[in-house]
Amino acid sequence: MKALHNILLISISFCITSCLNYKQTVILQPDGSGQMKIEYWMKLPDVGSRKVADNFGIFNSDSIRNNFSSSYSKIENVEVYVDSIDTTTHAIVEFTFNRIDLLNQTKMFADSKFQFKEETSGQIVFSQFIAPIAIGFGIDANEYSVSYSYTFSGTILNHNAHQVKDNILVWNYSLADIGVGKSIAVTFRPFKLEKTPDWIYMLTGAVLALVIFFLLRRKKG
């Protein structure tokens, strides 16, 4: 996501110095597929700052759709809106993907270095790199916040998350925290598919036998 971060920082910061926010929410399946929601928002206080944003397509639905489209993913929703309460402009993109490490081949995730490796032990090692971002133009590094939330379908074995609730892991950084780069790292063991209870088979067999009985009885009649 370095490309998106740099666009937000460099282009818009000529006009504003308000807080920049980025949130990435992912549900990751044991086969590497899943769904992702990305939201970023900031204040655009005047006509000049809004014009800069429009020129770079940062809050333009068509531009967002094009930047996140790939043969490995499917865009499910793109939304741009202004929050009338705090006057922040928001962009939301939601999409599904076939395998998360294939997103490395897309423009918007070229620096993310997604890794999804299945070990012989049955464990899965996952990581995402958060690239360093050059700052300037009066932006306070502590005023830039990024958040990553991952839900894993498995037992968490090792991680470096800041917050954990069940199978949901969250990482929160300011731009100052990112420094020369950070890595999200998780090792988990996928949940096994639950075995179908024997009573289901017994019930199915009983229903089938009953149907056959009535069909034969009807035929004889």
Protein backbone atom coordinates (compact mmCIF):
# COMPACT_ATOMS: atom_id res chain seq x y z
CA MET A 1 0.00 0.00 0.00
CA LYS A 2 3.00 2.30 -0.22
CA ALA A 3 1.68 3.72 -3.50
CA LEU A 4 -1.57 4.84 -1.90
CA HIS A 5 0.19 6.19 1.19
CA ASN A 6 2.64 8.25 -0.86
CA ILE A 7 -0.15 9.71 -2.99
CA LEU A 8 -2.03 10.74 0.11
CA LEU A 9 1.04 12.24 1.72
CA ILE A 10 2.73 14.01 -1.15
CA SER A 11 -0.15 15.27 -3.27
CA ILE A 12 -2.59 16.42 -0.64
CA SER A 13 -0.08 17.72 1.87
CA PHE A 14 0.66 20.66 -0.40
CA CYS A 15 -2.74 21.99 0.63
CA ILE A 16 -3.49 20.56 4.06
CA THR A 17 -1.85 19.33 7.21
CA SER A 18 -4.79 17.44 8.72
CA CYS A 19 -4.64 13.91 10.09
CA LEU A 20 -4.46 11.07 7.57
CA ASN A 21 -6.02 7.73 8.46
CA TYR A 22 -5.88 4.29 6.85
CA LYS A 23 -7.67 1.10 7.94
CA GLN A 24 -7.32 -2.33 6.36
CA THR A 25 -9.61 -5.16 7.47
CA VAL A 26 -9.04 -8.70 6.19
CA ILE A 27 -10.75 -12.07 6.64
CA LEU A 28 -8.21 -14.70 5.60
CA GLN A 29 -9.12 -18.31 4.83
CA PRO A 30 -6.81 -21.36 5.22
CA ASP A 31 -6.37 -21.60 1.42
CA GLY A 32 -5.15 -18.00 1.17
CA SER A 33 -8.38 -16.62 -0.24
CA GLY A 34 -10.46 -14.06 1.56
CA GLN A 35 -11.97 -10.62 1.59
CA MET A 36 -10.52 -7.20 2.29
CA LYS A 37 -11.97 -3.82 3.16
CA ILE A 38 -9.86 -0.67 2.97
CA GLU A 39 -10.95 2.71 4.23
CA TYR A 40 -8.96 5.93 4.31
CA TRP A 41 -10.13 9.36 5.27
CA MET A 42 -8.97 12.90 5.91
CA LYS A 43 -10.21 16.46 6.16
CA LEU A 44 -10.36 18.53 2.99
CA PRO A 45 -11.15 21.94 4.48
CA ASP A 46 -11.21 24.12 1.38
CA VAL A 47 -11.76 24.16 -2.38
CA GLY A 48 -8.02 24.01 -3.09
CA SER A 49 -7.42 20.84 -1.12
CA ARG A 50 -10.49 19.17 -2.64
CA LYS A 51 -9.29 20.07 -6.12
CA VAL A 52 -5.88 18.48 -5.49
CA ALA A 53 -7.58 15.32 -4.26
CA ASP A 54 -9.81 15.27 -7.35
CA ASN A 55 -6.82 15.68 -9.68
CA PHE A 56 -5.14 12.60 -8.22
CA GLY A 57 -8.37 10.59 -8.09
CA ILE A 58 -7.85 9.77 -4.43
CA PHE A 59 -11.54 10.14 -3.67
CA ASN A 60 -12.87 9.25 -7.11
CA SER A 61 -14.82 5.99 -7.32
CA ASP A 62 -13.69 5.13 -10.85
CA SER A 63 -10.02 5.76 -10.07
CA ILE A 64 -10.21 3.70 -6.89
CA ARG A 65 -11.88 0.83 -8.75
CA ASN A 66 -9.18 0.88 -11.44
CA ASN A 67 -6.31 1.00 -8.95
CA PHE A 68 -7.54 -1.99 -6.98
CA SER A 69 -8.74 -4.16 -9.87
CA SER A 70 -6.77 -7.28 -10.80
CA SER A 71 -7.26 -10.73 -12.27
CA TYR A 72 -6.77 -12.15 -8.76
CA SER A 73 -9.53 -10.16 -7.09
CA LYS A 74 -13.10 -9.00 -7.52
CA ILE A 75 -14.29 -5.54 -6.50
CA GLU A 76 -17.45 -5.85 -4.44
CA ASN A 77 -18.01 -2.24 -3.41
CA VAL A 78 -16.52 1.23 -3.80
CA GLU A 79 -17.89 4.16 -1.85
CA VAL A 80 -16.87 7.79 -1.39
CA TYR A 81 -18.66 10.08 1.04
CA VAL A 82 -18.27 13.12 3.29
CA ASP A 83 -19.02 12.83 6.99
CA SER A 84 -21.09 15.90 7.79
CA ILE A 85 -20.24 15.69 11.50
CA ASP A 86 -16.46 16.04 11.30
CA THR A 87 -16.25 17.11 7.60
CA THR A 88 -13.88 14.28 6.73
CA THR A 89 -13.90 12.75 3.25
CA HIS A 90 -13.87 8.93 3.18
CA ALA A 91 -13.08 6.33 0.55
CA ILE A 92 -14.01 2.68 0.98
CA VAL A 93 -13.14 -0.25 -1.26
CA GLU A 94 -14.17 -3.85 -0.60
CA PHE A 95 -13.03 -6.85 -2.62
CA THR A 96 -12.48 -10.58 -2.51
CA PHE A 97 -9.25 -12.27 -3.61
CA ASN A 98 -8.23 -15.76 -4.74
CA ARG A 99 -4.98 -15.85 -2.77
CA ILE A 100 -3.52 -12.99 -0.81
CA ASP A 101 0.10 -13.39 -1.92
CA LEU A 102 -0.99 -12.96 -5.57
CA LEU A 103 -1.91 -9.37 -4.67
CA ASN A 104 1.84 -8.65 -4.69
CA GLN A 105 1.54 -8.48 -8.47
CA THR A 106 -0.89 -5.56 -8.35
CA LYS A 107 0.15 -1.91 -8.39
CA MET A 108 -1.45 -0.96 -5.09
CA PHE A 109 0.20 -3.83 -3.19
CA ALA A 110 3.57 -3.94 -4.93
CA ASP A 111 5.43 -3.12 -1.70
CA SER A 112 3.32 -5.19 0.68
CA LYS A 113 5.33 -8.42 0.18
CA PHE A 114 2.45 -10.64 1.24
CA GLN A 115 3.65 -14.10 2.25
CA PHE A 116 1.35 -17.09 2.69
CA LYS A 117 3.38 -20.23 3.21
CA GLU A 118 2.00 -23.65 4.12
CA GLU A 119 4.46 -25.65 6.22
CA THR A 120 4.76 -29.45 6.16
CA SER A 121 3.62 -29.44 9.79
CA GLY A 122 0.25 -28.11 8.70
CA GLN A 123 0.96 -24.64 10.03
CA ILE A 124 0.64 -21.52 7.88
CA VAL A 125 3.06 -18.61 8.06
CA PHE A 126 1.62 -15.26 7.00
CA SER A 127 3.21 -11.83 6.78
CA GLN A 128 2.69 -8.39 5.27
CA PHE A 129 5.30 -5.66 5.01
CA ILE A 130 4.42 -2.04 5.77
CA ALA A 131 6.91 -0.02 3.77
CA PRO A 132 8.54 3.18 5.10
CA ILE A 133 7.01 6.39 3.84
CA ALA A 134 8.86 9.63 3.19
CA ILE A 135 7.28 12.60 4.90
CA GLY A 136 7.56 16.33 4.60
CA PHE A 137 5.52 19.40 3.80
CA GLY A 138 4.84 20.03 7.48
CA ILE A 139 3.11 16.72 8.20
CA ASP A 140 3.44 15.53 11.78
CA ALA A 141 4.37 11.83 11.70
CA ASN A 142 2.29 11.26 14.81
CA GLU A 143 -0.80 12.60 13.05
CA TYR A 144 -0.80 9.81 10.49
CA SER A 145 -2.41 6.57 11.67
CA VAL A 146 -2.73 3.16 10.05
CA SER A 147 -4.61 0.13 11.33
CA TYR A 148 -4.57 -3.48 10.13
CA SER A 149 -7.11 -6.05 11.31
CA TYR A 150 -6.90 -9.73 10.35
CA THR A 151 -9.31 -12.53 11.15
CA PHE A 152 -7.76 -16.00 10.81
CA SER A 153 -9.66 -19.26 10.47
CA GLY A 154 -7.39 -21.22 12.74
CA THR A 155 -5.54 -21.44 16.04
CA ILE A 156 -3.03 -18.60 16.46
CA LEU A 157 0.40 -19.96 17.40
CA ASN A 158 2.69 -16.91 17.10
CA HIS A 159 2.09 -13.26 16.25
CA ASN A 160 3.35 -9.70 16.77
CA ALA A 161 -0.06 -8.00 16.91
CA HIS A 162 -0.84 -5.16 19.30
CA GLN A 163 -4.33 -6.43 20.13
CA VAL A 164 -5.87 -9.90 20.09
CA LYS A 165 -9.48 -10.97 20.53
CA ASP A 166 -10.22 -14.59 19.70
CA ASN A 167 -8.98 -15.01 16.12
CA ILE A 168 -8.92 -11.29 15.33
CA LEU A 169 -5.50 -9.63 15.43
CA VAL A 170 -4.98 -5.87 15.17
CA TRP A 171 -1.90 -3.73 14.48
CA ASN A 172 -1.91 0.06 14.99
CA TYR A 173 0.86 2.42 13.90
CA SER A 174 1.54 6.10 13.54
CA LEU A 175 3.81 7.16 10.72
CA ALA A 176 6.57 7.66 13.28
CA ASP A 177 6.11 4.06 14.45
CA ILE A 178 6.58 2.67 10.93
CA GLY A 179 10.08 4.11 10.65
CA VAL A 180 12.13 2.01 8.21
CA GLY A 181 9.24 -0.43 7.84
CA LYS A 182 7.20 -2.89 9.86
CA SER A 183 6.08 -6.46 9.27
CA ILE A 184 2.84 -8.08 10.30
CA ALA A 185 3.68 -11.69 11.20
CA VAL A 186 1.39 -14.56 12.18
CA THR A 187 1.71 -18.34 12.37
CA PHE A 188 -1.52 -20.29 12.70
CA ARG A 189 -2.89 -23.80 12.38
CA PRO A 190 -6.07 -23.94 10.25
CA PHE A 191 -9.20 -25.26 11.86
CA LYS A 192 -10.08 -28.76 10.72
CA LEU A 193 -13.35 -29.24 8.92
CA GLU A 194 -15.90 -30.61 11.33
CA LYS A 195 -16.89 -34.20 10.71
CA THR A 196 -20.52 -34.67 9.72
CA PRO A 197 -22.32 -36.24 12.69
CA ASP A 198 -23.39 -39.89 12.24
CA TRP A 199 -27.00 -39.04 13.03
CA ILE A 200 -27.13 -36.90 9.88
CA TYR A 201 -26.30 -39.95 7.75
CA MET A 202 -28.78 -42.09 9.68
CA LEU A 203 -31.55 -39.53 9.27
CA THR A 204 -30.81 -39.15 5.56
CA GLY A 205 -30.91 -42.92 5.10
CA ALA A 206 -34.19 -43.23 6.98
CA VAL A 207 -35.82 -40.50 4.89
CA LEU A 208 -34.56 -42.10 1.67
CA ALA A 209 -35.87 -45.52 2.74
CA LEU A 210 -39.24 -44.02 3.59
CA VAL A 211 -39.47 -42.31 0.19
CA ILE A 212 -38.59 -45.54 -1.63
CA PHE A 213 -41.19 -47.45 0.46
CA PHE A 214 -44.01 -45.09 -0.50
CA LEU A 215 -42.95 -45.01 -4.16
CA LEU A 216 -43.01 -48.83 -4.33
CA ARG A 217 -46.33 -48.97 -2.48
CA ARG A 218 -47.83 -46.45 -4.85
CA LYS A 219 -46.55 -48.41 -7.87
CA LYS A 220 -48.13 -51.63 -6.61
CA GLY A 221 -51.40 -49.84 -5.96
